Amino acid sequence: MEYALDLDPKVVNSSGLPEVTTTPTDWVYTYFRPVDRTDISYAIEVSTDLSSWSEGGVTHEKVSIVNDIETWRALYPLSSASNVFFRLKVTQP
């Protein structure tokens, strides 16, 4: 995960980690990833019970690129759940 988020694995990270916020209509999961990580794939999954996970209903979009770091966010409707958990799934294709 440190590799996927371009974090230093030798230190405890308190910045650069994914964040969850809300808008009036959506849950928003935001994370940063380097543009040069072409050997892995990213997906955002949601759960309401930490048991079953799904990408259903999630809108995953790139927001910006600054200094070779992409900002991505996943939107999930607030109307779908009063509480939701997000999971960043990183895999090698």
PDB file of N, CA and C in Angstrom:
ATOM      1  N   MET A   1       0.826  -1.183   0.000  1.00  0.00           N
ATOM      2  CA  MET A   1       0.000   0.000   0.000  1.00  0.00           C
ATOM      3  C   MET A   1       0.878   1.257   0.000  1.00  0.00           C
ATOM      4  N   GLU A   2       1.975   1.205   0.724  1.00  0.00           N
ATOM      5  CA  GLU A   2       2.895   2.358   0.737  1.00  0.00           C
ATOM      6  C   GLU A   2       3.373   2.665  -0.685  1.00  0.00           C
ATOM      7  N   TYR A   3       3.706   1.620  -1.437  1.00  0.00           N
ATOM      8  CA  TYR A   3       4.137   1.786  -2.823  1.00  0.00           C
ATOM      9  C   TYR A   3       3.023   2.414  -3.652  1.00  0.00           C
ATOM     10  N   ALA A   4       1.812   1.928  -3.491  1.00  0.00           N
ATOM     11  CA  ALA A   4       0.676   2.412  -4.280  1.00  0.00           C
ATOM     12  C   ALA A   4       0.371   3.881  -4.012  1.00  0.00           C
ATOM     13  N   LEU A   5       0.599   4.325  -2.773  1.00  0.00           N
ATOM     14  CA  LEU A   5       0.305   5.713  -2.400  1.00  0.00           C
ATOM     15  C   LEU A   5       1.543   6.604  -2.410  1.00  0.00           C
ATOM     16  N   ASP A   6       2.691   6.046  -2.827  1.00  0.00           N
ATOM     17  CA  ASP A   6       3.961   6.779  -2.892  1.00  0.00           C
ATOM     18  C   ASP A   6       4.370   7.318  -1.523  1.00  0.00           C
ATOM     19  N   LEU A   7       4.212   6.478  -0.500  1.00  0.00           N
ATOM     20  CA  LEU A   7       4.602   6.841   0.859  1.00  0.00           C
ATOM     21  C   LEU A   7       5.899   6.125   1.226  1.00  0.00           C
ATOM     22  N   ASP A   8       6.595   6.624   2.196  1.00  0.00           N
ATOM     23  CA  ASP A   8       7.851   6.035   2.646  1.00  0.00           C
ATOM     24  C   ASP A   8       7.557   4.892   3.608  1.00  0.00           C
ATOM     25  N   PRO A   9       7.907   3.648   3.267  1.00  0.00           N
ATOM     26  CA  PRO A   9       7.604   2.515   4.132  1.00  0.00           C
ATOM     27  C   PRO A   9       8.445   2.455   5.405  1.00  0.00           C
ATOM     28  N   LYS A  10       9.441   3.316   5.508  1.00  0.00           N
ATOM     29  CA  LYS A  10      10.317   3.287   6.681  1.00  0.00           C
ATOM     30  C   LYS A  10       9.891   4.269   7.767  1.00  0.00           C
ATOM     31  N   VAL A  11       8.813   5.016   7.527  1.00  0.00           N
ATOM     32  CA  VAL A  11       8.330   5.974   8.521  1.00  0.00           C
ATOM     33  C   VAL A  11       6.827   5.823   8.703  1.00  0.00           C
ATOM     34  N   VAL A  12       6.346   6.246   9.863  1.00  0.00           N
ATOM     35  CA  VAL A  12       4.907   6.283  10.116  1.00  0.00           C
ATOM     36  C   VAL A  12       4.356   7.512   9.400  1.00  0.00           C
ATOM     37  N   ASN A  13       3.360   7.290   8.558  1.00  0.00           N
ATOM     38  CA  ASN A  13       2.814   8.387   7.758  1.00  0.00           C
ATOM     39  C   ASN A  13       1.565   8.962   8.401  1.00  0.00           C
ATOM     40  N   SER A  14       1.543  10.273   8.539  1.00  0.00           N
ATOM     41  CA  SER A  14       0.342  10.940   9.042  1.00  0.00           C
ATOM     42  C   SER A  14      -0.257  11.850   7.981  1.00  0.00           C
ATOM     43  N   SER A  15       0.450  12.030   6.875  1.00  0.00           N
ATOM     44  CA  SER A  15      -0.099  12.804   5.760  1.00  0.00           C
ATOM     45  C   SER A  15      -0.004  11.970   4.493  1.00  0.00           C
ATOM     46  N   GLY A  16      -0.789  12.331   3.507  1.00  0.00           N
ATOM     47  CA  GLY A  16      -0.804  11.584   2.265  1.00  0.00           C
ATOM     48  C   GLY A  16      -1.694  10.358   2.296  1.00  0.00           C
ATOM     49  N   LEU A  17      -2.398  10.154   3.407  1.00  0.00           N
ATOM     50  CA  LEU A  17      -3.294   9.008   3.541  1.00  0.00           C
ATOM     51  C   LEU A  17      -4.683   9.343   2.987  1.00  0.00           C
ATOM     52  N   PRO A  18      -5.436   8.346   2.567  1.00  0.00           N
ATOM     53  CA  PRO A  18      -6.803   8.600   2.085  1.00  0.00           C
ATOM     54  C   PRO A  18      -7.664   9.271   3.160  1.00  0.00           C
ATOM     55  N   GLU A  19      -8.633  10.054   2.697  1.00  0.00           N
ATOM     56  CA  GLU A  19      -9.548  10.764   3.602  1.00  0.00           C
ATOM     57  C   GLU A  19     -10.986  10.558   3.156  1.00  0.00           C
ATOM     58  N   VAL A  20     -11.885  10.560   4.116  1.00  0.00           N
ATOM     59  CA  VAL A  20     -13.317  10.485   3.826  1.00  0.00           C
ATOM     60  C   VAL A  20     -13.979  11.772   4.299  1.00  0.00           C
ATOM     61  N   THR A  21     -14.753  12.382   3.422  1.00  0.00           N
ATOM     62  CA  THR A  21     -15.529  13.578   3.733  1.00  0.00           C
ATOM     63  C   THR A  21     -16.928  13.393   3.148  1.00  0.00           C
ATOM     64  N   THR A  22     -17.752  14.401   3.296  1.00  0.00           N
ATOM     65  CA  THR A  22     -19.077  14.368   2.678  1.00  0.00           C
ATOM     66  C   THR A  22     -19.364  15.681   1.980  1.00  0.00           C
ATOM     67  N   THR A  23     -20.258  15.606   1.013  1.00  0.00           N
ATOM     68  CA  THR A  23     -20.865  16.775   0.398  1.00  0.00           C
ATOM     69  C   THR A  23     -22.353  16.684   0.758  1.00  0.00           C
ATOM     70  N   PRO A  24     -23.165  17.625   0.349  1.00  0.00           N
ATOM     71  CA  PRO A  24     -24.598  17.486   0.649  1.00  0.00           C
ATOM     72  C   PRO A  24     -25.243  16.227   0.054  1.00  0.00           C
ATOM     73  N   THR A  25     -24.603  15.632  -0.979  1.00  0.00           N
ATOM     74  CA  THR A  25     -25.219  14.477  -1.638  1.00  0.00           C
ATOM     75  C   THR A  25     -24.399  13.195  -1.599  1.00  0.00           C
ATOM     76  N   ASP A  26     -23.098  13.290  -1.291  1.00  0.00           N
ATOM     77  CA  ASP A  26     -22.239  12.113  -1.423  1.00  0.00           C
ATOM     78  C   ASP A  26     -21.246  11.945  -0.279  1.00  0.00           C
ATOM     79  N   TRP A  27     -20.881  10.684  -0.049  1.00  0.00           N
ATOM     80  CA  TRP A  27     -19.665  10.349   0.683  1.00  0.00           C
ATOM     81  C   TRP A  27     -18.536  10.555  -0.310  1.00  0.00           C
ATOM     82  N   VAL A  28     -17.393  11.067   0.127  1.00  0.00           N
ATOM     83  CA  VAL A  28     -16.264  11.306  -0.782  1.00  0.00           C
ATOM     84  C   VAL A  28     -15.008  10.694  -0.172  1.00  0.00           C
ATOM     85  N   TYR A  29     -14.421   9.757  -0.897  1.00  0.00           N
ATOM     86  CA  TYR A  29     -13.170   9.112  -0.495  1.00  0.00           C
ATOM     87  C   TYR A  29     -12.089   9.650  -1.432  1.00  0.00           C
ATOM     88  N   THR A  30     -11.082  10.341  -0.892  1.00  0.00           N
ATOM     89  CA  THR A  30     -10.037  10.970  -1.695  1.00  0.00           C
ATOM     90  C   THR A  30      -8.681  10.361  -1.358  1.00  0.00           C
ATOM     91  N   TYR A  31      -7.897  10.084  -2.390  1.00  0.00           N
ATOM     92  CA  TYR A  31      -6.544   9.561  -2.186  1.00  0.00           C
ATOM     93  C   TYR A  31      -5.630  10.068  -3.301  1.00  0.00           C
ATOM     94  N   PHE A  32      -4.334   9.919  -3.082  1.00  0.00           N
ATOM     95  CA  PHE A  32      -3.315  10.389  -4.019  1.00  0.00           C
ATOM     96  C   PHE A  32      -2.491   9.202  -4.497  1.00  0.00           C
ATOM     97  N   ARG A  33      -2.142   9.222  -5.785  1.00  0.00           N
ATOM     98  CA  ARG A  33      -1.307   8.156  -6.328  1.00  0.00           C
ATOM     99  C   ARG A  33      -0.352   8.714  -7.373  1.00  0.00           C
ATOM    100  N   PRO A  34       0.847   8.144  -7.458  1.00  0.00           N
ATOM    101  CA  PRO A  34       1.821   8.627  -8.439  1.00  0.00           C
ATOM    102  C   PRO A  34       1.449   8.178  -9.854  1.00  0.00           C
ATOM    103  N   VAL A  35       1.757   9.007 -10.834  1.00  0.00           N
ATOM    104  CA  VAL A  35       1.412   8.682 -12.220  1.00  0.00           C
ATOM    105  C   VAL A  35       2.230   7.528 -12.777  1.00  0.00           C
ATOM    106  N   ASP A  36       3.372   7.222 -12.180  1.00  0.00           N
ATOM    107  CA  ASP A  36       4.251   6.189 -12.740  1.00  0.00           C
ATOM    108  C   ASP A  36       3.948   4.774 -12.245  1.00  0.00           C
ATOM    109  N   ARG A  37       2.880   4.545 -11.527  1.00  0.00           N
ATOM    110  CA  ARG A  37       2.543   3.213 -11.009  1.00  0.00           C
ATOM    111  C   ARG A  37       1.653   2.473 -12.012  1.00  0.00           C
ATOM    112  N   THR A  38       2.210   2.171 -13.177  1.00  0.00           N
ATOM    113  CA  THR A  38       1.442   1.499 -14.233  1.00  0.00           C
ATOM    114  C   THR A  38       1.379  -0.010 -14.036  1.00  0.00           C
ATOM    115  N   ASP A  39       2.108  -0.541 -13.055  1.00  0.00           N
ATOM    116  CA  ASP A  39       2.128  -1.980 -12.812  1.00  0.00           C
ATOM    117  C   ASP A  39       1.065  -2.443 -11.821  1.00  0.00           C
ATOM    118  N   ILE A  40       0.241  -1.532 -11.336  1.00  0.00           N
ATOM    119  CA  ILE A  40      -0.821  -1.890 -10.395  1.00  0.00           C
ATOM    120  C   ILE A  40      -2.130  -1.221 -10.800  1.00  0.00           C
ATOM    121  N   SER A  41      -3.234  -1.781 -10.320  1.00  0.00           N
ATOM    122  CA  SER A  41      -4.565  -1.228 -10.568  1.00  0.00           C
ATOM    123  C   SER A  41      -5.202  -0.828  -9.249  1.00  0.00           C
ATOM    124  N   TYR A  42      -6.004   0.212  -9.296  1.00  0.00           N
ATOM    125  CA  TYR A  42      -6.668   0.733  -8.109  1.00  0.00           C
ATOM    126  C   TYR A  42      -8.180   0.599  -8.278  1.00  0.00           C
ATOM    127  N   ALA A  43      -8.856   0.226  -7.212  1.00  0.00           N
ATOM    128  CA  ALA A  43     -10.318   0.179  -7.189  1.00  0.00           C
ATOM    129  C   ALA A  43     -10.783   0.606  -5.809  1.00  0.00           C
ATOM    130  N   ILE A  44     -11.967   1.187  -5.748  1.00  0.00           N
ATOM    131  CA  ILE A  44     -12.560   1.585  -4.479  1.00  0.00           C
ATOM    132  C   ILE A  44     -13.790   0.720  -4.247  1.00  0.00           C
ATOM    133  N   GLU A  45     -13.835   0.113  -3.075  1.00  0.00           N
ATOM    134  CA  GLU A  45     -14.974  -0.705  -2.695  1.00  0.00           C
ATOM    135  C   GLU A  45     -15.630  -0.098  -1.456  1.00  0.00           C
ATOM    136  N   VAL A  46     -16.921  -0.345  -1.311  1.00  0.00           N
ATOM    137  CA  VAL A  46     -17.668   0.153  -0.151  1.00  0.00           C
ATOM    138  C   VAL A  46     -18.352  -1.011   0.557  1.00  0.00           C
ATOM    139  N   SER A  47     -18.608  -0.785   1.847  1.00  0.00           N
ATOM    140  CA  SER A  47     -19.317  -1.770   2.660  1.00  0.00           C
ATOM    141  C   SER A  47     -20.092  -1.032   3.740  1.00  0.00           C
ATOM    142  N   THR A  48     -21.190  -1.610   4.144  1.00  0.00           N
ATOM    143  CA  THR A  48     -21.943  -1.058   5.274  1.00  0.00           C
ATOM    144  C   THR A  48     -21.784  -1.921   6.517  1.00  0.00           C
ATOM    145  N   ASP A  49     -21.145  -3.108   6.357  1.00  0.00           N
ATOM    146  CA  ASP A  49     -21.017  -4.025   7.493  1.00  0.00           C
ATOM    147  C   ASP A  49     -19.610  -4.615   7.676  1.00  0.00           C
ATOM    148  N   LEU A  50     -18.665  -4.190   6.879  1.00  0.00           N
ATOM    149  CA  LEU A  50     -17.281  -4.681   6.898  1.00  0.00           C
ATOM    150  C   LEU A  50     -17.173  -6.162   6.548  1.00  0.00           C
ATOM    151  N   SER A  51     -18.256  -6.747   6.061  1.00  0.00           N
ATOM    152  CA  SER A  51     -18.245  -8.153   5.681  1.00  0.00           C
ATOM    153  C   SER A  51     -18.321  -8.315   4.162  1.00  0.00           C
ATOM    154  N   SER A  52     -19.287  -7.661   3.558  1.00  0.00           N
ATOM    155  CA  SER A  52     -19.427  -7.724   2.105  1.00  0.00           C
ATOM    156  C   SER A  52     -18.972  -6.394   1.494  1.00  0.00           C
ATOM    157  N   TRP A  53     -18.192  -6.492   0.419  1.00  0.00           N
ATOM    158  CA  TRP A  53     -17.620  -5.318  -0.245  1.00  0.00           C
ATOM    159  C   TRP A  53     -18.032  -5.305  -1.710  1.00  0.00           C
ATOM    160  N   SER A  54     -18.226  -4.093  -2.254  1.00  0.00           N
ATOM    161  CA  SER A  54     -18.667  -3.971  -3.640  1.00  0.00           C
ATOM    162  C   SER A  54     -18.197  -2.651  -4.240  1.00  0.00           C
ATOM    163  N   GLU A  55     -18.011  -2.647  -5.549  1.00  0.00           N
ATOM    164  CA  GLU A  55     -17.740  -1.406  -6.280  1.00  0.00           C
ATOM    165  C   GLU A  55     -19.034  -0.783  -6.789  1.00  0.00           C
ATOM    166  N   GLY A  56     -20.160  -1.470  -6.583  1.00  0.00           N
ATOM    167  CA  GLY A  56     -21.456  -1.005  -7.057  1.00  0.00           C
ATOM    168  C   GLY A  56     -21.848   0.339  -6.459  1.00  0.00           C
ATOM    169  N   GLY A  57     -22.274   1.255  -7.310  1.00  0.00           N
ATOM    170  CA  GLY A  57     -22.717   2.571  -6.868  1.00  0.00           C
ATOM    171  C   GLY A  57     -21.599   3.572  -6.655  1.00  0.00           C
ATOM    172  N   VAL A  58     -20.349   3.145  -6.828  1.00  0.00           N
ATOM    173  CA  VAL A  58     -19.194   4.021  -6.614  1.00  0.00           C
ATOM    174  C   VAL A  58     -18.800   4.679  -7.935  1.00  0.00           C
ATOM    175  N   THR A  59     -18.656   5.982  -7.920  1.00  0.00           N
ATOM    176  CA  THR A  59     -18.128   6.720  -9.060  1.00  0.00           C
ATOM    177  C   THR A  59     -16.688   7.080  -8.740  1.00  0.00           C
ATOM    178  N   HIS A  60     -15.759   6.537  -9.518  1.00  0.00           N
ATOM    179  CA  HIS A  60     -14.318   6.692  -9.273  1.00  0.00           C
ATOM    180  C   HIS A  60     -13.768   7.609 -10.360  1.00  0.00           C
ATOM    181  N   GLU A  61     -13.176   8.741  -9.960  1.00  0.00           N
ATOM    182  CA  GLU A  61     -12.729   9.710 -10.962  1.00  0.00           C
ATOM    183  C   GLU A  61     -11.434  10.408 -10.578  1.00  0.00           C
ATOM    184  N   LYS A  62     -10.645  10.734 -11.623  1.00  0.00           N
ATOM    185  CA  LYS A  62      -9.420  11.502 -11.422  1.00  0.00           C
ATOM    186  C   LYS A  62      -9.804  12.978 -11.319  1.00  0.00           C
ATOM    187  N   VAL A  63      -9.264  13.660 -10.300  1.00  0.00           N
ATOM    188  CA  VAL A  63      -9.588  15.066 -10.064  1.00  0.00           C
ATOM    189  C   VAL A  63      -8.530  15.979 -10.660  1.00  0.00           C
ATOM    190  N   SER A  64      -7.241  15.644 -10.439  1.00  0.00           N
ATOM    191  CA  SER A  64      -6.167  16.517 -10.928  1.00  0.00           C
ATOM    192  C   SER A  64      -4.834  15.776 -10.939  1.00  0.00           C
ATOM    193  N   ILE A  65      -3.842  16.405 -11.585  1.00  0.00           N
ATOM    194  CA  ILE A  65      -2.458  15.935 -11.565  1.00  0.00           C
ATOM    195  C   ILE A  65      -1.578  17.135 -11.239  1.00  0.00           C
ATOM    196  N   VAL A  66      -0.765  17.012 -10.187  1.00  0.00           N
ATOM    197  CA  VAL A  66       0.171  18.063  -9.792  1.00  0.00           C
ATOM    198  C   VAL A  66       1.495  17.387  -9.444  1.00  0.00           C
ATOM    199  N   ASN A  67       2.573  17.808 -10.107  1.00  0.00           N
ATOM    200  CA  ASN A  67       3.912  17.262  -9.837  1.00  0.00           C
ATOM    201  C   ASN A  67       3.944  15.737  -9.861  1.00  0.00           C
ATOM    202  N   ASP A  68       3.363  15.132 -10.888  1.00  0.00           N
ATOM    203  CA  ASP A  68       3.338  13.677 -11.077  1.00  0.00           C
ATOM    204  C   ASP A  68       2.570  12.914  -9.999  1.00  0.00           C
ATOM    205  N   ILE A  69       1.706  13.595  -9.256  1.00  0.00           N
ATOM    206  CA  ILE A  69       0.819  12.949  -8.288  1.00  0.00           C
ATOM    207  C   ILE A  69      -0.622  13.222  -8.715  1.00  0.00           C
ATOM    208  N   GLU A  70      -1.375  12.149  -8.895  1.00  0.00           N
ATOM    209  CA  GLU A  70      -2.781  12.273  -9.258  1.00  0.00           C
ATOM    210  C   GLU A  70      -3.645  12.295  -8.004  1.00  0.00           C
ATOM    211  N   THR A  71      -4.644  13.137  -7.998  1.00  0.00           N
ATOM    212  CA  THR A  71      -5.661  13.129  -6.947  1.00  0.00           C
ATOM    213  C   THR A  71      -6.880  12.415  -7.512  1.00  0.00           C
ATOM    214  N   TRP A  72      -7.324  11.392  -6.811  1.00  0.00           N
ATOM    215  CA  TRP A  72      -8.501  10.620  -7.205  1.00  0.00           C
ATOM    216  C   TRP A  72      -9.542  10.688  -6.105  1.00  0.00           C
ATOM    217  N   ARG A  73     -10.793  10.533  -6.505  1.00  0.00           N
ATOM    218  CA  ARG A  73     -11.859  10.467  -5.508  1.00  0.00           C
ATOM    219  C   ARG A  73     -12.916   9.469  -5.950  1.00  0.00           C
ATOM    220  N   ALA A  74     -13.564   8.931  -4.956  1.00  0.00           N
ATOM    221  CA  ALA A  74     -14.681   8.028  -5.179  1.00  0.00           C
ATOM    222  C   ALA A  74     -15.898   8.638  -4.498  1.00  0.00           C
ATOM    223  N   LEU A  75     -16.983   8.704  -5.227  1.00  0.00           N
ATOM    224  CA  LEU A  75     -18.226   9.245  -4.703  1.00  0.00           C
ATOM    225  C   LEU A  75     -19.217   8.105  -4.499  1.00  0.00           C
ATOM    226  N   TYR A  76     -19.912   8.158  -3.376  1.00  0.00           N
ATOM    227  CA  TYR A  76     -20.939   7.164  -3.068  1.00  0.00           C
ATOM    228  C   TYR A  76     -22.119   7.926  -2.464  1.00  0.00           C
ATOM    229  N   PRO A  77     -23.326   7.747  -3.001  1.00  0.00           N
ATOM    230  CA  PRO A  77     -24.467   8.548  -2.547  1.00  0.00           C
ATOM    231  C   PRO A  77     -24.760   8.413  -1.047  1.00  0.00           C
ATOM    232  N   LEU A  78     -24.929   9.550  -0.396  1.00  0.00           N
ATOM    233  CA  LEU A  78     -25.307   9.555   1.023  1.00  0.00           C
ATOM    234  C   LEU A  78     -26.629   8.827   1.241  1.00  0.00           C
ATOM    235  N   SER A  79     -27.499   8.901   0.252  1.00  0.00           N
ATOM    236  CA  SER A  79     -28.811   8.253   0.372  1.00  0.00           C
ATOM    237  C   SER A  79     -28.718   6.726   0.368  1.00  0.00           C
ATOM    238  N   SER A  80     -27.572   6.176  -0.020  1.00  0.00           N
ATOM    239  CA  SER A  80     -27.407   4.718  -0.072  1.00  0.00           C
ATOM    240  C   SER A  80     -27.152   4.091   1.289  1.00  0.00           C
ATOM    241  N   ALA A  81     -26.572   4.869   2.217  1.00  0.00           N
ATOM    242  CA  ALA A  81     -26.254   4.314   3.538  1.00  0.00           C
ATOM    243  C   ALA A  81     -25.979   5.437   4.523  1.00  0.00           C
ATOM    244  N   SER A  82     -26.398   5.239   5.785  1.00  0.00           N
ATOM    245  CA  SER A  82     -26.125   6.257   6.804  1.00  0.00           C
ATOM    246  C   SER A  82     -24.685   6.167   7.301  1.00  0.00           C
ATOM    247  N   ASN A  83     -24.098   4.982   7.203  1.00  0.00           N
ATOM    248  CA  ASN A  83     -22.679   4.770   7.511  1.00  0.00           C
ATOM    249  C   ASN A  83     -22.092   3.901   6.406  1.00  0.00           C
ATOM    250  N   VAL A  84     -20.876   4.219   6.005  1.00  0.00           N
ATOM    251  CA  VAL A  84     -20.241   3.435   4.951  1.00  0.00           C
ATOM    252  C   VAL A  84     -18.742   3.359   5.222  1.00  0.00           C
ATOM    253  N   PHE A  85     -18.164   2.240   4.853  1.00  0.00           N
ATOM    254  CA  PHE A  85     -16.724   2.039   4.969  1.00  0.00           C
ATOM    255  C   PHE A  85     -16.151   1.970   3.560  1.00  0.00           C
ATOM    256  N   PHE A  86     -14.991   2.567   3.365  1.00  0.00           N
ATOM    257  CA  PHE A  86     -14.317   2.518   2.066  1.00  0.00           C
ATOM    258  C   PHE A  86     -13.071   1.662   2.179  1.00  0.00           C
ATOM    259  N   ARG A  87     -12.734   1.019   1.071  1.00  0.00           N
ATOM    260  CA  ARG A  87     -11.509   0.220   1.011  1.00  0.00           C
ATOM    261  C   ARG A  87     -10.832   0.482  -0.332  1.00  0.00           C
ATOM    262  N   LEU A  88      -9.559   0.824  -0.275  1.00  0.00           N
ATOM    263  CA  LEU A  88      -8.757   0.985  -1.479  1.00  0.00           C
ATOM    264  C   LEU A  88      -8.159  -0.381  -1.816  1.00  0.00           C
ATOM    265  N   LYS A  89      -8.540  -0.914  -2.946  1.00  0.00           N
ATOM    266  CA  LYS A  89      -8.055  -2.237  -3.359  1.00  0.00           C
ATOM    267  C   LYS A  89      -7.002  -2.033  -4.444  1.00  0.00           C
ATOM    268  N   VAL A  90      -5.786  -2.509  -4.178  1.00  0.00           N
ATOM    269  CA  VAL A  90      -4.678  -2.383  -5.121  1.00  0.00           C
ATOM    270  C   VAL A  90      -4.269  -3.775  -5.547  1.00  0.00           C
ATOM    271  N   THR A  91      -4.224  -4.009  -6.855  1.00  0.00           N
ATOM    272  CA  THR A  91      -3.858  -5.322  -7.370  1.00  0.00           C
ATOM    273  C   THR A  91      -2.880  -5.198  -8.525  1.00  0.00           C
ATOM    274  N   GLN A  92      -2.176  -6.284  -8.804  1.00  0.00           N
ATOM    275  CA  GLN A  92      -1.330  -6.351  -9.986  1.00  0.00           C
ATOM    276  C   GLN A  92      -2.107  -7.090 -11.053  1.00  0.00           C
ATOM    277  N   PRO A  93      -2.274  -6.456 -12.216  1.00  0.00           N
ATOM    278  CA  PRO A  93      -3.045  -7.120 -13.298  1.00  0.00           C
ATOM    279  C   PRO A  93      -2.369  -8.375 -13.813  1.00  0.00           C
TER     280      PRO A  93
END
